[in-house]
């Protein structure tokens, strides 16, 4: 993984545009990690509470099936929401005529510009 301040490759950004692009990529990566952590935390909280009423030392087959189904639905919902948000930001960006707004929105969602979701 390459970062602006500790790149593992020998090529370092030279122009201000390259530096800006490197900063945006680094922020996108960090936002994506934050969003992934948030998704995992929410899935754990909501699905576990819904599927495991009395925690024990292992999961029953019913609890395991419930958790799998819940997680799949939650992640699908997350992806739909992300795509919708990115589409809306893209529409607003085109309306306002600014490229920087799309880059900022992609940082907020943790997705590259035009990205399609956490797992899709």
N, C-alpha and C. Protein backbone atom coordinates (compact mmCIF):
# COMPACT_ATOMS: atom_id res chain seq x y z
N UNK A 1 0.85 -1.18 0.00
CA UNK A 1 0.00 0.00 0.00
C UNK A 1 0.88 1.23 0.00
N UNK A 2 0.49 2.16 -0.76
CA UNK A 2 1.25 3.38 -0.89
C UNK A 2 0.54 4.50 -0.16
N UNK A 3 1.30 5.34 0.50
CA UNK A 3 0.71 6.51 1.13
C UNK A 3 1.53 7.72 0.76
N UNK A 4 0.98 8.85 1.00
CA UNK A 4 1.65 10.09 0.65
C UNK A 4 2.94 10.27 1.44
N UNK A 5 2.92 9.87 2.72
CA UNK A 5 4.06 10.14 3.58
C UNK A 5 4.98 8.95 3.78
N UNK A 6 4.59 7.78 3.32
CA UNK A 6 5.42 6.60 3.50
C UNK A 6 5.24 5.62 2.36
N UNK A 7 5.54 6.05 1.16
CA UNK A 7 5.31 5.23 -0.01
C UNK A 7 6.29 4.08 -0.08
N UNK A 8 5.77 2.90 -0.45
CA UNK A 8 6.63 1.75 -0.60
C UNK A 8 7.24 1.71 -1.99
N UNK A 9 6.74 2.51 -2.92
CA UNK A 9 7.33 2.56 -4.26
C UNK A 9 8.34 3.68 -4.33
N UNK A 10 9.19 3.61 -5.36
CA UNK A 10 10.24 4.62 -5.49
C UNK A 10 9.73 5.91 -6.12
N UNK A 11 8.58 5.85 -6.83
CA UNK A 11 8.03 7.04 -7.47
C UNK A 11 7.30 7.88 -6.44
N UNK A 12 7.70 9.13 -6.30
CA UNK A 12 7.03 10.04 -5.39
C UNK A 12 6.38 11.14 -6.21
N UNK A 13 5.24 11.64 -5.75
CA UNK A 13 4.55 12.69 -6.49
C UNK A 13 5.44 13.93 -6.65
N UNK A 14 5.42 14.52 -7.84
CA UNK A 14 6.26 15.68 -8.11
C UNK A 14 5.47 16.97 -8.25
N UNK A 15 4.37 16.91 -8.96
CA UNK A 15 3.61 18.13 -9.21
C UNK A 15 2.53 18.29 -8.14
N UNK A 16 1.99 19.49 -8.08
CA UNK A 16 0.92 19.73 -7.10
C UNK A 16 -0.31 18.88 -7.42
N UNK A 17 -0.57 18.63 -8.70
CA UNK A 17 -1.70 17.77 -9.08
C UNK A 17 -1.46 16.33 -8.62
N UNK A 18 -0.23 15.84 -8.75
CA UNK A 18 0.09 14.49 -8.30
C UNK A 18 -0.02 14.39 -6.78
N UNK A 19 0.42 15.43 -6.09
CA UNK A 19 0.32 15.45 -4.63
C UNK A 19 -1.15 15.48 -4.22
N UNK A 20 -1.95 16.31 -4.88
CA UNK A 20 -3.38 16.38 -4.59
C UNK A 20 -4.04 15.02 -4.82
N UNK A 21 -3.72 14.38 -5.93
CA UNK A 21 -4.29 13.07 -6.24
C UNK A 21 -3.87 12.03 -5.19
N UNK A 22 -2.62 12.10 -4.74
CA UNK A 22 -2.14 11.16 -3.71
C UNK A 22 -2.87 11.38 -2.39
N UNK A 23 -3.09 12.63 -2.03
CA UNK A 23 -3.82 12.94 -0.79
C UNK A 23 -5.26 12.44 -0.89
N UNK A 24 -5.90 12.68 -2.04
CA UNK A 24 -7.28 12.22 -2.23
C UNK A 24 -7.35 10.70 -2.14
N UNK A 25 -6.40 9.99 -2.79
CA UNK A 25 -6.38 8.52 -2.71
C UNK A 25 -6.20 8.04 -1.28
N UNK A 26 -5.31 8.67 -0.54
CA UNK A 26 -5.07 8.28 0.85
C UNK A 26 -6.32 8.52 1.70
N UNK A 27 -6.97 9.66 1.51
CA UNK A 27 -8.19 9.95 2.25
C UNK A 27 -9.31 8.99 1.88
N UNK A 28 -9.40 8.63 0.60
CA UNK A 28 -10.41 7.66 0.17
C UNK A 28 -10.16 6.31 0.83
N UNK A 29 -8.91 5.89 0.90
CA UNK A 29 -8.57 4.62 1.54
C UNK A 29 -8.94 4.64 3.01
N UNK A 30 -8.59 5.72 3.69
CA UNK A 30 -8.90 5.83 5.12
C UNK A 30 -10.41 5.89 5.35
N UNK A 31 -11.13 6.60 4.49
CA UNK A 31 -12.59 6.68 4.62
C UNK A 31 -13.22 5.31 4.36
N UNK A 32 -12.69 4.58 3.38
CA UNK A 32 -13.22 3.24 3.09
C UNK A 32 -13.03 2.32 4.28
N UNK A 33 -11.87 2.38 4.92
CA UNK A 33 -11.61 1.56 6.11
C UNK A 33 -12.56 1.95 7.24
N UNK A 34 -12.77 3.23 7.43
CA UNK A 34 -13.69 3.69 8.47
C UNK A 34 -15.11 3.22 8.19
N UNK A 35 -15.53 3.32 6.94
CA UNK A 35 -16.87 2.86 6.57
C UNK A 35 -17.02 1.36 6.75
N UNK A 36 -15.97 0.60 6.41
CA UNK A 36 -16.02 -0.85 6.59
C UNK A 36 -16.13 -1.20 8.07
N UNK A 37 -15.37 -0.52 8.91
CA UNK A 37 -15.46 -0.75 10.36
C UNK A 37 -16.86 -0.41 10.88
N UNK A 38 -17.41 0.67 10.40
CA UNK A 38 -18.75 1.07 10.81
C UNK A 38 -19.78 0.03 10.37
N UNK A 39 -19.66 -0.44 9.14
CA UNK A 39 -20.59 -1.47 8.65
C UNK A 39 -20.50 -2.73 9.50
N UNK A 40 -19.29 -3.18 9.79
CA UNK A 40 -19.12 -4.39 10.60
C UNK A 40 -19.70 -4.19 11.99
N UNK A 41 -19.47 -3.04 12.58
CA UNK A 41 -20.01 -2.75 13.91
C UNK A 41 -21.54 -2.75 13.91
N UNK A 42 -22.13 -2.13 12.90
CA UNK A 42 -23.59 -2.08 12.83
C UNK A 42 -24.18 -3.46 12.57
N UNK A 43 -23.56 -4.22 11.68
CA UNK A 43 -24.04 -5.57 11.41
C UNK A 43 -23.95 -6.40 12.69
N UNK A 44 -22.82 -6.32 13.37
CA UNK A 44 -22.67 -7.07 14.62
C UNK A 44 -23.75 -6.68 15.63
N UNK A 45 -23.95 -5.40 15.81
CA UNK A 45 -24.92 -4.93 16.80
C UNK A 45 -26.34 -5.37 16.45
N UNK A 46 -26.79 -5.02 15.25
CA UNK A 46 -28.17 -5.26 14.87
C UNK A 46 -28.47 -6.74 14.62
N UNK A 47 -27.62 -7.40 13.89
CA UNK A 47 -27.89 -8.80 13.56
C UNK A 47 -27.71 -9.70 14.77
N UNK A 48 -26.68 -9.45 15.55
CA UNK A 48 -26.47 -10.31 16.72
C UNK A 48 -27.63 -10.16 17.70
N UNK A 49 -28.05 -8.92 17.94
CA UNK A 49 -29.17 -8.69 18.86
C UNK A 49 -30.46 -9.35 18.34
N UNK A 50 -30.66 -9.32 17.02
CA UNK A 50 -31.88 -9.88 16.45
C UNK A 50 -31.85 -11.42 16.39
N UNK A 51 -30.68 -11.99 16.21
CA UNK A 51 -30.59 -13.43 15.94
C UNK A 51 -30.15 -14.28 17.13
N UNK A 52 -29.53 -13.67 18.12
CA UNK A 52 -29.00 -14.44 19.25
C UNK A 52 -29.59 -13.86 20.54
N UNK A 53 -30.80 -14.30 20.91
CA UNK A 53 -31.45 -13.72 22.08
C UNK A 53 -30.73 -14.05 23.40
N UNK A 54 -30.15 -15.23 23.50
CA UNK A 54 -29.41 -15.61 24.70
C UNK A 54 -28.07 -16.21 24.29
N UNK A 55 -27.02 -15.39 24.30
CA UNK A 55 -25.69 -15.87 23.87
C UNK A 55 -25.22 -17.05 24.73
N UNK A 56 -24.58 -17.97 24.08
CA UNK A 56 -24.00 -19.14 24.76
C UNK A 56 -22.59 -19.38 24.25
N UNK A 57 -22.14 -20.59 24.39
CA UNK A 57 -20.76 -20.91 23.97
C UNK A 57 -20.67 -21.19 22.47
N UNK A 58 -21.80 -21.45 21.81
CA UNK A 58 -21.80 -21.68 20.36
C UNK A 58 -23.15 -21.24 19.79
N UNK A 59 -23.18 -21.14 18.46
CA UNK A 59 -24.41 -20.74 17.78
C UNK A 59 -25.17 -21.97 17.33
N UNK A 60 -26.47 -21.91 17.46
CA UNK A 60 -27.31 -22.98 16.92
C UNK A 60 -27.39 -22.82 15.40
N UNK A 61 -27.86 -23.83 14.71
CA UNK A 61 -28.03 -23.76 13.26
C UNK A 61 -28.99 -22.63 12.90
N UNK A 62 -30.05 -22.48 13.68
CA UNK A 62 -31.04 -21.42 13.43
C UNK A 62 -30.39 -20.04 13.59
N UNK A 63 -29.60 -19.86 14.64
CA UNK A 63 -28.92 -18.57 14.88
C UNK A 63 -27.92 -18.29 13.76
N UNK A 64 -27.20 -19.31 13.34
CA UNK A 64 -26.20 -19.14 12.28
C UNK A 64 -26.88 -18.72 10.97
N UNK A 65 -27.98 -19.38 10.63
CA UNK A 65 -28.73 -19.04 9.42
C UNK A 65 -29.29 -17.62 9.52
N UNK A 66 -29.83 -17.29 10.67
CA UNK A 66 -30.37 -15.94 10.89
C UNK A 66 -29.28 -14.88 10.71
N UNK A 67 -28.11 -15.11 11.31
CA UNK A 67 -27.00 -14.15 11.20
C UNK A 67 -26.56 -13.98 9.75
N UNK A 68 -26.41 -15.09 9.04
CA UNK A 68 -25.98 -15.01 7.63
C UNK A 68 -26.98 -14.22 6.80
N UNK A 69 -28.25 -14.52 6.97
CA UNK A 69 -29.30 -13.83 6.22
C UNK A 69 -29.33 -12.34 6.57
N UNK A 70 -29.26 -12.04 7.85
CA UNK A 70 -29.28 -10.65 8.30
C UNK A 70 -28.09 -9.87 7.74
N UNK A 71 -26.91 -10.47 7.81
CA UNK A 71 -25.71 -9.79 7.31
C UNK A 71 -25.81 -9.53 5.81
N UNK A 72 -26.29 -10.51 5.05
CA UNK A 72 -26.43 -10.33 3.61
C UNK A 72 -27.40 -9.19 3.30
N UNK A 73 -28.51 -9.15 4.00
CA UNK A 73 -29.51 -8.09 3.78
C UNK A 73 -28.95 -6.73 4.17
N UNK A 74 -28.24 -6.66 5.30
CA UNK A 74 -27.70 -5.40 5.79
C UNK A 74 -26.66 -4.86 4.81
N UNK A 75 -25.78 -5.74 4.32
CA UNK A 75 -24.75 -5.31 3.37
C UNK A 75 -25.38 -4.87 2.05
N UNK A 76 -26.40 -5.60 1.58
CA UNK A 76 -27.10 -5.21 0.36
C UNK A 76 -27.73 -3.82 0.52
N UNK A 77 -28.36 -3.59 1.67
CA UNK A 77 -28.97 -2.28 1.94
C UNK A 77 -27.90 -1.19 1.97
N UNK A 78 -26.77 -1.48 2.60
CA UNK A 78 -25.66 -0.53 2.68
C UNK A 78 -25.19 -0.16 1.26
N UNK A 79 -25.06 -1.16 0.39
CA UNK A 79 -24.61 -0.91 -0.98
C UNK A 79 -25.60 -0.08 -1.76
N UNK A 80 -26.88 -0.37 -1.63
CA UNK A 80 -27.91 0.41 -2.32
C UNK A 80 -27.87 1.86 -1.85
N UNK A 81 -27.76 2.04 -0.56
CA UNK A 81 -27.69 3.39 0.01
C UNK A 81 -26.46 4.13 -0.51
N UNK A 82 -25.32 3.45 -0.54
CA UNK A 82 -24.08 4.07 -1.02
C UNK A 82 -24.19 4.47 -2.49
N UNK A 83 -24.71 3.57 -3.32
CA UNK A 83 -24.87 3.87 -4.74
C UNK A 83 -25.81 5.06 -4.95
N UNK A 84 -26.90 5.07 -4.22
CA UNK A 84 -27.87 6.16 -4.34
C UNK A 84 -27.23 7.49 -3.95
N UNK A 85 -26.48 7.47 -2.85
CA UNK A 85 -25.81 8.69 -2.39
C UNK A 85 -24.79 9.17 -3.42
N UNK A 86 -24.00 8.25 -3.95
CA UNK A 86 -22.98 8.62 -4.94
C UNK A 86 -23.64 9.17 -6.20
N UNK A 87 -24.74 8.55 -6.63
CA UNK A 87 -25.47 9.05 -7.80
C UNK A 87 -25.98 10.46 -7.55
N UNK A 88 -26.54 10.68 -6.37
CA UNK A 88 -27.06 12.01 -6.03
C UNK A 88 -25.95 13.05 -6.00
N UNK A 89 -24.82 12.69 -5.41
CA UNK A 89 -23.69 13.63 -5.37
C UNK A 89 -23.19 13.91 -6.78
N UNK A 90 -23.15 12.88 -7.62
CA UNK A 90 -22.74 13.09 -9.00
C UNK A 90 -23.66 14.03 -9.74
N UNK A 91 -24.95 13.86 -9.53
CA UNK A 91 -25.94 14.74 -10.15
C UNK A 91 -25.75 16.17 -9.68
N UNK A 92 -25.60 16.35 -8.39
CA UNK A 92 -25.40 17.69 -7.83
C UNK A 92 -24.08 18.30 -8.31
N UNK A 93 -23.05 17.46 -8.42
CA UNK A 93 -21.75 17.95 -8.88
C UNK A 93 -21.85 18.45 -10.32
N UNK A 94 -22.52 17.67 -11.17
CA UNK A 94 -22.69 18.09 -12.56
C UNK A 94 -23.50 19.37 -12.64
N UNK A 95 -24.53 19.45 -11.80
CA UNK A 95 -25.37 20.65 -11.78
C UNK A 95 -24.56 21.87 -11.37
N UNK A 96 -23.66 21.68 -10.40
CA UNK A 96 -22.84 22.79 -9.92
C UNK A 96 -21.58 22.96 -10.75
N UNK A 97 -21.23 21.93 -11.53
CA UNK A 97 -20.07 22.03 -12.42
C UNK A 97 -18.73 21.93 -11.74
N UNK A 98 -18.63 21.18 -10.64
CA UNK A 98 -17.34 21.09 -9.95
C UNK A 98 -16.84 19.68 -9.78
N UNK A 99 -15.60 19.44 -10.15
CA UNK A 99 -14.96 18.14 -9.97
C UNK A 99 -14.59 17.91 -8.50
N UNK A 100 -14.21 18.95 -7.79
CA UNK A 100 -13.77 18.78 -6.41
C UNK A 100 -14.88 18.27 -5.51
N UNK A 101 -16.13 18.62 -5.80
CA UNK A 101 -17.24 18.14 -4.99
C UNK A 101 -17.36 16.63 -5.09
N UNK A 102 -17.11 16.06 -6.28
CA UNK A 102 -17.17 14.60 -6.44
C UNK A 102 -16.06 13.93 -5.65
N UNK A 103 -14.88 14.52 -5.66
CA UNK A 103 -13.77 13.95 -4.90
C UNK A 103 -14.07 13.99 -3.40
N UNK A 104 -14.65 15.09 -2.94
CA UNK A 104 -15.01 15.20 -1.52
C UNK A 104 -16.08 14.18 -1.16
N UNK A 105 -17.07 14.01 -2.01
CA UNK A 105 -18.12 13.03 -1.75
C UNK A 105 -17.57 11.62 -1.73
N UNK A 106 -16.64 11.32 -2.63
CA UNK A 106 -16.07 9.98 -2.65
C UNK A 106 -15.26 9.74 -1.39
N UNK A 107 -14.65 10.78 -0.84
CA UNK A 107 -13.94 10.62 0.43
C UNK A 107 -14.93 10.36 1.56
N UNK A 108 -16.06 11.02 1.51
CA UNK A 108 -17.06 10.84 2.56
C UNK A 108 -17.62 9.43 2.57
N UNK A 109 -17.76 8.83 1.38
CA UNK A 109 -18.32 7.48 1.30
C UNK A 109 -17.25 6.41 1.34
N UNK A 110 -16.00 6.80 1.17
CA UNK A 110 -14.94 5.81 1.14
C UNK A 110 -14.88 5.07 -0.18
N UNK A 111 -15.47 5.61 -1.21
CA UNK A 111 -15.53 4.95 -2.49
C UNK A 111 -14.84 5.83 -3.54
N UNK A 112 -14.21 5.18 -4.52
CA UNK A 112 -13.67 5.97 -5.62
C UNK A 112 -14.83 6.64 -6.35
N UNK A 113 -14.53 7.72 -7.05
CA UNK A 113 -15.58 8.41 -7.79
C UNK A 113 -16.21 7.41 -8.73
N UNK A 114 -17.55 7.31 -8.67
CA UNK A 114 -18.27 6.35 -9.50
C UNK A 114 -18.28 4.96 -8.90
N UNK A 115 -17.89 4.80 -7.65
CA UNK A 115 -17.84 3.49 -6.99
C UNK A 115 -19.21 2.88 -6.86
N UNK A 116 -19.24 1.56 -6.62
CA UNK A 116 -20.53 0.88 -6.64
C UNK A 116 -20.91 0.24 -5.32
N UNK A 117 -20.22 0.49 -4.25
CA UNK A 117 -20.66 -0.06 -2.98
C UNK A 117 -19.55 -0.82 -2.26
N UNK A 118 -19.83 -1.26 -1.06
CA UNK A 118 -18.86 -1.96 -0.23
C UNK A 118 -18.43 -3.26 -0.89
N UNK A 119 -19.39 -4.06 -1.29
CA UNK A 119 -19.07 -5.38 -1.84
C UNK A 119 -19.60 -5.58 -3.23
N UNK A 120 -19.82 -4.52 -3.96
CA UNK A 120 -20.43 -4.72 -5.27
C UNK A 120 -19.97 -3.81 -6.27
